Every structure is written in structure tokens, then in C-alpha cells.
Amino acid sequence: MATDQDLQAIESARLVAVEVLGQLAEFWGFTRTMGRVFGLLYLSPEPLSQAEISESLSISAASVSLSLNALMRWGAVRKSVGARGRKVRYEAETEFRKFVTSVLASRERQQLEDGLDAVAHAVDKLQRLRSQRGELDEGGALFVLERLQHLESVYRMSYQLLQLLLRTGRIDVEAVAEAEGHPIPLFGPKKR
């Protein structure tokens, strides 16, 4: 049977993990509260109500509600209707791959698409200028064009890597690099 001291040690460990997940969520661009709510649910053996989450984390009901709604949108938390009455309870998704894939598929993919579009537009603009005027030696335009083309290639490869990860759950960097016309991996010398 667990003593009071044992229970305090368990709760202390749980709170440390909840805070660490809050910091991690904040690092990845989510709110600290979202990370803390997810952490509490992840480390709870039973689904919790909004009121229980609010009390455990000492945060407002409104903040809990906003965090739960966002976490449900990302697939990190789900509603749990159980035998403990009619009150809605929440539990964490324990299959991290599911909600990481959800985030990558929406947020990171959109970021890559936007970056790729912007860089491709800039390359196109300089290439049209080059075709109208011939060589681009003035003002470092040729240098900028070459760097933008390289950046476009990196964005395109990053996008393909993300698509491959989302589709298969695995990444073969060398295969993507070769498909993009890079004979060696971008991250080091080719192995012999």
C-alpha cells in the first residue's frame, strides 16, 4: 500500500513532467498551457473533466477549454464518455505519431508550401529580368539568383521529405536528394 510520502513523490514527478511538456509545447509554437493540459491527461490513469484539469493545474476554466479545443483539433486529446456519469471527460492520445502527423500535415506543410511559393516567385522574377536584359552582372543579381535557386531546391526537397514522411512514416534522404538532382546527400559526403 502506498504511503502518503509515496503519493507525494508520485505527484511531484507528475508535476515535473507536466511542466516539461508545457515548455516543450511552447518551444514548438503551441501554448505552455496546451502542453501542461496534455501532460496532465497523458499522465492520468483516468480521463479528467475540465473542472478537474482546471483545479489540478490551477488555471482558469476558459484557459482549459481553449487548450482542450486546440488539442482536440490537433488530435492530441479526445473526449471520453465513460461510466463516471454524464460529465464530459478528456484523455490524451497516447499514439504520438497520430498527432505529430496531424501537426506536420497541416502546419509545417503549409509553411513549406508558402516558403516554396515565395522563393519560386523571386526566382521567376529574376529569370524574367535575365531573359529581358541578358546577363545579370549588375548589383549581384546573378549571385542572388543562384542562391535563390539553391534555396528553392532545399525547400522543394524539404517538402518532398515531409510528404514522404506523412505518406510512409519513413524518410529516405538519399532517394529524395537523387530525385531532386543532387547526386550526394546534402548533409555530408557520400559513403563509398
Protein backbone atom coordinates (compact mmCIF):
# COMPACT_ATOMS: atom_id res chain seq x y z
CA MET A 1 0.00 0.00 0.00
CA ALA A 2 1.34 3.43 -0.99
CA THR A 3 2.20 5.75 1.86
CA ASP A 4 1.50 9.49 1.90
CA GLN A 5 5.17 10.02 1.15
CA ASP A 6 4.94 7.69 -1.87
CA LEU A 7 1.87 9.53 -3.17
CA GLN A 8 3.64 12.89 -2.75
CA ALA A 9 6.65 11.59 -4.67
CA ILE A 10 4.40 10.35 -7.49
CA GLU A 11 2.54 13.67 -7.66
CA SER A 12 5.81 15.62 -7.63
CA ALA A 13 7.14 13.53 -10.52
CA ARG A 14 3.88 14.03 -12.42
CA LEU A 15 4.03 17.82 -11.96
CA VAL A 16 7.65 17.96 -13.16
CA ALA A 17 6.66 16.08 -16.33
CA VAL A 18 3.62 18.33 -16.84
CA GLU A 19 5.84 21.43 -16.67
CA VAL A 20 8.41 19.89 -19.03
CA LEU A 21 5.66 19.13 -21.57
CA GLY A 22 4.42 22.72 -21.17
CA GLN A 23 7.90 24.02 -22.01
CA LEU A 24 8.21 21.63 -24.95
CA ALA A 25 4.85 22.72 -26.35
CA GLU A 26 5.88 26.36 -26.06
CA PHE A 27 9.17 25.60 -27.84
CA TRP A 28 7.21 24.11 -30.76
CA GLY A 29 4.97 27.16 -31.06
CA PHE A 30 1.99 26.00 -29.04
CA THR A 31 0.96 27.47 -25.71
CA ARG A 32 2.53 26.31 -22.47
CA THR A 33 -0.97 25.67 -21.14
CA MET A 34 -1.72 23.28 -24.02
CA GLY A 35 1.39 21.30 -23.16
CA ARG A 36 0.53 21.23 -19.46
CA VAL A 37 -3.04 20.10 -20.13
CA PHE A 38 -1.81 17.37 -22.48
CA GLY A 39 0.81 16.32 -19.92
CA LEU A 40 -1.72 16.07 -17.12
CA LEU A 41 -4.06 13.97 -19.26
CA TYR A 42 -1.21 11.81 -20.55
CA LEU A 43 -0.09 11.05 -17.02
CA SER A 44 -3.58 10.48 -15.65
CA PRO A 45 -4.76 6.87 -15.39
CA GLU A 46 -8.37 8.06 -15.76
CA PRO A 47 -9.96 10.63 -18.09
CA LEU A 48 -10.44 14.03 -16.42
CA SER A 49 -13.17 16.67 -16.59
CA GLN A 50 -12.48 20.32 -17.40
CA ALA A 51 -13.04 21.18 -13.74
CA GLU A 52 -10.52 18.54 -12.60
CA ILE A 53 -7.94 19.82 -15.09
CA SER A 54 -8.54 23.42 -14.00
CA GLU A 55 -8.13 22.54 -10.33
CA SER A 56 -5.06 20.31 -10.85
CA LEU A 57 -3.19 22.90 -12.90
CA SER A 58 -4.56 26.00 -11.11
CA ILE A 59 -5.69 27.58 -14.36
CA SER A 60 -8.98 29.14 -15.39
CA ALA A 61 -11.84 27.14 -16.88
CA ALA A 62 -11.66 29.32 -20.00
CA SER A 63 -7.97 28.54 -20.47
CA VAL A 64 -8.65 24.82 -20.05
CA SER A 65 -11.48 25.00 -22.57
CA LEU A 66 -9.36 26.81 -25.17
CA SER A 67 -6.48 24.37 -24.67
CA LEU A 68 -8.72 21.30 -24.90
CA ASN A 69 -10.35 22.57 -28.10
CA ALA A 70 -6.95 23.20 -29.70
CA LEU A 71 -5.58 19.85 -28.54
CA MET A 72 -8.63 18.06 -29.95
CA ARG A 73 -8.15 19.84 -33.31
CA TRP A 74 -4.56 18.53 -33.43
CA GLY A 75 -5.68 15.03 -32.43
CA ALA A 76 -3.69 15.08 -29.15
CA VAL A 77 -6.76 14.80 -26.88
CA ARG A 78 -10.16 13.20 -27.27
CA LYS A 79 -13.43 13.18 -25.35
CA SER A 80 -14.09 10.11 -23.27
CA VAL A 81 -17.62 9.15 -22.34
CA GLY A 82 -17.37 6.60 -19.57
CA ALA A 83 -19.23 5.14 -16.67
CA ARG A 84 -18.46 8.01 -14.28
CA GLY A 85 -21.60 9.95 -15.10
CA ARG A 86 -22.69 12.33 -17.80
CA LYS A 87 -19.84 14.80 -17.31
CA VAL A 88 -17.59 15.02 -20.35
CA ARG A 89 -14.07 13.83 -19.63
CA TYR A 90 -10.90 14.03 -21.68
CA GLU A 91 -7.98 11.73 -22.27
CA ALA A 92 -4.68 12.09 -24.08
CA GLU A 93 -3.91 10.34 -27.34
CA THR A 94 -1.05 8.02 -26.42
CA GLU A 95 -0.07 7.28 -30.02
CA PHE A 96 2.23 10.29 -30.55
CA ARG A 97 2.63 9.51 -34.26
CA LYS A 98 -1.04 10.34 -34.84
CA PHE A 99 -1.00 13.90 -33.59
CA VAL A 100 2.57 14.64 -34.71
CA THR A 101 1.46 13.62 -38.20
CA SER A 102 -1.58 15.88 -37.89
CA VAL A 103 0.61 18.87 -36.96
CA LEU A 104 3.14 18.14 -39.70
CA ALA A 105 0.41 17.64 -42.30
CA SER A 106 -1.20 20.98 -41.65
CA ARG A 107 1.11 23.48 -40.02
CA GLU A 108 4.57 22.53 -41.29
CA ARG A 109 3.38 21.55 -44.76
CA GLN A 110 1.67 24.94 -45.16
CA GLN A 111 4.83 26.73 -44.01
CA LEU A 112 6.93 24.85 -46.58
CA GLU A 113 4.39 25.47 -49.34
CA ASP A 114 4.29 29.21 -48.58
CA GLY A 115 8.10 29.44 -48.48
CA LEU A 116 8.47 27.48 -51.69
CA ASP A 117 5.91 29.68 -53.47
CA ALA A 118 7.65 32.88 -52.33
CA VAL A 119 11.13 31.70 -53.33
CA ALA A 120 9.90 30.31 -56.68
CA HIS A 121 8.25 33.67 -57.38
CA ALA A 122 11.50 35.51 -56.63
CA VAL A 123 13.48 33.12 -58.88
CA ASP A 124 10.95 33.58 -61.67
CA LYS A 125 11.17 37.36 -61.34
CA LEU A 126 14.98 37.35 -61.66
CA GLN A 127 14.89 34.85 -64.54
CA ARG A 128 12.46 37.11 -66.45
CA LEU A 129 14.77 40.05 -65.79
CA ARG A 130 17.68 37.95 -67.06
CA SER A 131 15.83 36.97 -70.25
CA GLN A 132 14.91 40.63 -70.91
CA ARG A 133 18.38 42.07 -70.25
CA GLY A 134 20.75 39.20 -70.91
CA GLU A 135 23.40 38.56 -68.26
CA LEU A 136 22.76 39.68 -64.71
CA ASP A 137 26.10 41.04 -63.58
CA GLU A 138 24.95 44.34 -62.10
CA GLY A 139 24.19 44.61 -58.41
CA GLY A 140 24.95 40.96 -57.66
CA ALA A 141 21.76 39.82 -59.39
CA LEU A 142 23.37 36.62 -60.72
CA PHE A 143 24.67 35.77 -57.25
CA VAL A 144 21.21 36.34 -55.75
CA LEU A 145 19.57 34.26 -58.50
CA GLU A 146 21.94 31.33 -57.89
CA ARG A 147 21.37 31.47 -54.13
CA LEU A 148 17.60 31.66 -54.59
CA GLN A 149 17.68 28.67 -56.93
CA HIS A 150 19.62 26.72 -54.31
CA LEU A 151 17.13 27.79 -51.64
CA GLU A 152 14.25 26.74 -53.88
CA SER A 153 15.87 23.32 -54.28
CA VAL A 154 16.22 22.96 -50.50
CA TYR A 155 12.57 23.97 -49.96
CA ARG A 156 11.42 21.54 -52.66
CA MET A 157 13.44 18.69 -51.14
CA SER A 158 12.18 19.51 -47.63
CA TYR A 159 8.63 19.46 -48.93
CA GLN A 160 9.18 16.08 -50.59
CA LEU A 161 10.73 14.70 -47.40
CA LEU A 162 7.73 15.84 -45.41
CA GLN A 163 5.32 14.32 -47.95
CA LEU A 164 7.25 11.04 -47.84
CA LEU A 165 7.22 11.02 -44.03
CA LEU A 166 3.48 11.66 -43.94
CA ARG A 167 2.75 9.01 -46.55
CA THR A 168 5.06 6.22 -45.33
CA GLY A 169 6.22 7.15 -41.85
CA ARG A 170 9.81 6.85 -43.09
CA ILE A 171 12.29 9.07 -44.91
CA ASP A 172 14.99 8.10 -47.39
CA VAL A 173 17.01 11.32 -47.71
CA GLU A 174 19.33 9.96 -50.39
CA ALA A 175 16.43 8.87 -52.63
CA VAL A 176 14.80 12.29 -52.36
CA ALA A 177 18.14 14.05 -52.97
CA GLU A 178 18.75 11.96 -56.09
CA ALA A 179 15.20 12.61 -57.33
CA GLU A 180 15.90 16.34 -56.96
CA GLY A 181 19.11 16.02 -58.98
CA HIS A 182 21.54 16.07 -56.06
CA PRO A 183 23.97 13.19 -56.60
CA ILE A 184 25.17 13.24 -52.96
CA PRO A 185 23.32 13.73 -49.69
CA LEU A 186 23.05 17.34 -48.57
CA PHE A 187 24.18 16.56 -45.06
CA GLY A 188 27.61 15.02 -45.61
CA PRO A 189 29.95 13.27 -48.01
CA LYS A 190 28.65 10.31 -49.95
CA LYS A 191 29.56 6.96 -48.39
CA ARG A 192 31.65 4.67 -50.53
